[in-house]
Structures are given as C-alpha cells and as structure tokens.
Amino acid sequence: MADITIHQAAEKAHQVELINLLIESHPHQLQGSEISTLASLMAKLSGDVCVFLQEEIVAQEAKA
C-alpha cells in the first residue's frame, strides 16, 4: 500500500496546482533556476500522487 494517505495525496495534488498557478501568474518574475527547482518539486509531488492512485486502483480491482 502507499506510504501516504488519501488526504496527503490530495494535499500534494493541491500543492502542484498552486505551483502551476504561481508559474502561470508570474512567468517573467522567476529565474531559470527557480523554475527548475519548482519543476523538480512538481515532479516529486505529482509522482507521489501517481503512485498512490495506481496502488489504490490495484487495491480496488483486487476487491472486485
């Protein structure tokens, strides 16, 4: 099973959304290194959510 809860997955997904909004709203105020750092953070957060969702799908399919 995933190392995170459904609530943690939702929070991580929300954080990805907020980072995207930040980049979209202020694209010219961010330096290249900042964008790279944010992209790495987004990859980590969204990867955690993806793993959680994939494990939930497998668990639900096993119950069916």
N, C-alpha and C. Protein backbone atom coordinates (compact mmCIF):
# COMPACT_ATOMS: atom_id res chain seq x y z
N MET A 1 0.83 -1.18 0.00
CA MET A 1 0.00 0.00 0.00
C MET A 1 0.88 1.25 0.00
N ALA A 2 0.31 2.35 -0.38
CA ALA A 2 1.06 3.60 -0.50
C ALA A 2 1.56 4.08 0.86
N ASP A 3 2.64 4.81 0.82
CA ASP A 3 3.21 5.37 2.05
C ASP A 3 2.49 6.65 2.48
N ILE A 4 1.53 7.11 1.67
CA ILE A 4 0.78 8.32 2.01
C ILE A 4 -0.71 7.99 2.09
N THR A 5 -1.44 8.85 2.77
CA THR A 5 -2.88 8.67 2.89
C THR A 5 -3.58 9.42 1.76
N ILE A 6 -4.86 9.17 1.63
CA ILE A 6 -5.64 9.88 0.61
C ILE A 6 -5.62 11.39 0.87
N HIS A 7 -5.61 11.78 2.13
CA HIS A 7 -5.57 13.20 2.46
C HIS A 7 -4.22 13.82 2.09
N GLN A 8 -3.15 13.07 2.30
CA GLN A 8 -1.83 13.56 1.91
C GLN A 8 -1.72 13.65 0.39
N ALA A 9 -2.29 12.68 -0.31
CA ALA A 9 -2.28 12.72 -1.78
C ALA A 9 -3.04 13.95 -2.28
N ALA A 10 -4.18 14.23 -1.66
CA ALA A 10 -4.96 15.41 -2.05
C ALA A 10 -4.18 16.69 -1.78
N GLU A 11 -3.48 16.76 -0.66
CA GLU A 11 -2.68 17.93 -0.33
C GLU A 11 -1.54 18.11 -1.33
N LYS A 12 -0.88 17.03 -1.69
CA LYS A 12 0.21 17.10 -2.67
C LYS A 12 -0.32 17.55 -4.03
N ALA A 13 -1.47 17.06 -4.44
CA ALA A 13 -2.07 17.48 -5.70
C ALA A 13 -2.41 18.97 -5.66
N HIS A 14 -2.90 19.43 -4.52
CA HIS A 14 -3.21 20.85 -4.36
C HIS A 14 -1.95 21.70 -4.44
N GLN A 15 -0.87 21.22 -3.86
CA GLN A 15 0.40 21.94 -3.92
C GLN A 15 0.90 22.05 -5.36
N VAL A 16 0.74 20.99 -6.14
CA VAL A 16 1.13 21.04 -7.56
C VAL A 16 0.30 22.10 -8.28
N GLU A 17 -1.01 22.13 -7.99
CA GLU A 17 -1.89 23.13 -8.60
C GLU A 17 -1.43 24.54 -8.26
N LEU A 18 -1.10 24.79 -6.99
CA LEU A 18 -0.67 26.12 -6.58
C LEU A 18 0.65 26.52 -7.24
N ILE A 19 1.57 25.59 -7.36
CA ILE A 19 2.84 25.88 -8.03
C ILE A 19 2.59 26.23 -9.49
N ASN A 20 1.72 25.47 -10.14
CA ASN A 20 1.37 25.78 -11.53
C ASN A 20 0.78 27.18 -11.66
N LEU A 21 -0.11 27.54 -10.75
CA LEU A 21 -0.71 28.87 -10.78
C LEU A 21 0.33 29.96 -10.56
N LEU A 22 1.29 29.72 -9.68
CA LEU A 22 2.38 30.67 -9.44
C LEU A 22 3.18 30.89 -10.72
N ILE A 23 3.56 29.80 -11.36
CA ILE A 23 4.35 29.91 -12.60
C ILE A 23 3.55 30.61 -13.69
N GLU A 24 2.28 30.25 -13.79
CA GLU A 24 1.42 30.85 -14.82
C GLU A 24 1.20 32.35 -14.57
N SER A 25 1.05 32.73 -13.31
CA SER A 25 0.76 34.12 -12.97
C SER A 25 1.98 35.03 -13.02
N HIS A 26 3.16 34.48 -12.77
CA HIS A 26 4.38 35.29 -12.69
C HIS A 26 5.53 34.68 -13.49
N PRO A 27 5.32 34.38 -14.76
CA PRO A 27 6.37 33.67 -15.52
C PRO A 27 7.65 34.47 -15.70
N HIS A 28 7.54 35.80 -15.78
CA HIS A 28 8.73 36.62 -16.05
C HIS A 28 9.43 37.06 -14.77
N GLN A 29 8.84 36.75 -13.62
CA GLN A 29 9.46 37.13 -12.35
C GLN A 29 10.28 36.00 -11.75
N LEU A 30 10.27 34.86 -12.42
CA LEU A 30 11.01 33.70 -11.91
C LEU A 30 12.29 33.50 -12.72
N GLN A 31 13.37 33.21 -12.03
CA GLN A 31 14.65 32.92 -12.68
C GLN A 31 14.64 31.47 -13.17
N GLY A 32 15.51 31.17 -14.09
CA GLY A 32 15.62 29.81 -14.62
C GLY A 32 15.85 28.77 -13.54
N SER A 33 16.71 29.09 -12.59
CA SER A 33 16.99 28.14 -11.51
C SER A 33 15.78 27.92 -10.63
N GLU A 34 14.97 28.97 -10.44
CA GLU A 34 13.74 28.83 -9.65
C GLU A 34 12.73 27.95 -10.36
N ILE A 35 12.61 28.13 -11.65
CA ILE A 35 11.69 27.30 -12.43
C ILE A 35 12.14 25.85 -12.40
N SER A 36 13.44 25.63 -12.50
CA SER A 36 13.98 24.27 -12.43
C SER A 36 13.68 23.63 -11.08
N THR A 37 13.86 24.39 -10.01
CA THR A 37 13.56 23.89 -8.67
C THR A 37 12.08 23.58 -8.52
N LEU A 38 11.23 24.46 -9.00
CA LEU A 38 9.78 24.23 -8.93
C LEU A 38 9.38 23.02 -9.75
N ALA A 39 10.01 22.84 -10.91
CA ALA A 39 9.71 21.68 -11.75
C ALA A 39 10.09 20.38 -11.04
N SER A 40 11.22 20.39 -10.37
CA SER A 40 11.63 19.20 -9.61
C SER A 40 10.66 18.91 -8.48
N LEU A 41 10.22 19.95 -7.79
CA LEU A 41 9.25 19.78 -6.71
C LEU A 41 7.93 19.24 -7.25
N MET A 42 7.49 19.78 -8.39
CA MET A 42 6.24 19.31 -9.00
C MET A 42 6.35 17.84 -9.41
N ALA A 43 7.49 17.45 -9.92
CA ALA A 43 7.69 16.05 -10.32
C ALA A 43 7.61 15.13 -9.10
N LYS A 44 8.22 15.54 -8.00
CA LYS A 44 8.17 14.73 -6.77
C LYS A 44 6.74 14.64 -6.24
N LEU A 45 6.07 15.77 -6.14
CA LEU A 45 4.71 15.78 -5.61
C LEU A 45 3.75 14.98 -6.49
N SER A 46 3.80 15.22 -7.79
CA SER A 46 2.87 14.52 -8.69
C SER A 46 3.22 13.04 -8.79
N GLY A 47 4.50 12.70 -8.67
CA GLY A 47 4.90 11.30 -8.67
C GLY A 47 4.33 10.55 -7.48
N ASP A 48 4.37 11.20 -6.31
CA ASP A 48 3.79 10.59 -5.10
C ASP A 48 2.29 10.35 -5.28
N VAL A 49 1.60 11.33 -5.85
CA VAL A 49 0.16 11.20 -6.07
C VAL A 49 -0.12 10.09 -7.08
N CYS A 50 0.67 10.02 -8.12
CA CYS A 50 0.50 8.98 -9.14
C CYS A 50 0.67 7.59 -8.55
N VAL A 51 1.70 7.38 -7.77
CA VAL A 51 1.93 6.08 -7.14
C VAL A 51 0.76 5.73 -6.23
N PHE A 52 0.31 6.70 -5.43
CA PHE A 52 -0.82 6.46 -4.54
C PHE A 52 -2.05 6.03 -5.35
N LEU A 53 -2.37 6.77 -6.41
CA LEU A 53 -3.55 6.45 -7.20
C LEU A 53 -3.42 5.09 -7.89
N GLN A 54 -2.25 4.78 -8.41
CA GLN A 54 -2.05 3.47 -9.04
C GLN A 54 -2.24 2.34 -8.04
N GLU A 55 -1.73 2.51 -6.84
CA GLU A 55 -1.90 1.48 -5.81
C GLU A 55 -3.35 1.35 -5.38
N GLU A 56 -4.07 2.46 -5.33
CA GLU A 56 -5.49 2.42 -4.99
C GLU A 56 -6.29 1.70 -6.07
N ILE A 57 -5.95 1.93 -7.34
CA ILE A 57 -6.63 1.25 -8.44
C ILE A 57 -6.42 -0.25 -8.33
N VAL A 58 -5.18 -0.66 -8.10
CA VAL A 58 -4.87 -2.09 -7.97
C VAL A 58 -5.65 -2.69 -6.80
N ALA A 59 -5.70 -1.98 -5.67
CA ALA A 59 -6.41 -2.49 -4.49
C ALA A 59 -7.91 -2.62 -4.77
N GLN A 60 -8.48 -1.64 -5.45
CA GLN A 60 -9.91 -1.70 -5.77
C GLN A 60 -10.22 -2.80 -6.77
N GLU A 61 -9.34 -2.98 -7.76
CA GLU A 61 -9.56 -4.04 -8.74
C GLU A 61 -9.43 -5.42 -8.10
N ALA A 62 -8.58 -5.54 -7.09
CA ALA A 62 -8.42 -6.82 -6.39
C ALA A 62 -9.67 -7.17 -5.59
N LYS A 63 -10.39 -6.15 -5.13
CA LYS A 63 -11.63 -6.37 -4.37
C LYS A 63 -12.78 -6.78 -5.28
N ALA A 64 -12.71 -6.40 -6.54
CA ALA A 64 -13.82 -6.66 -7.48
C ALA A 64 -13.88 -8.10 -7.94
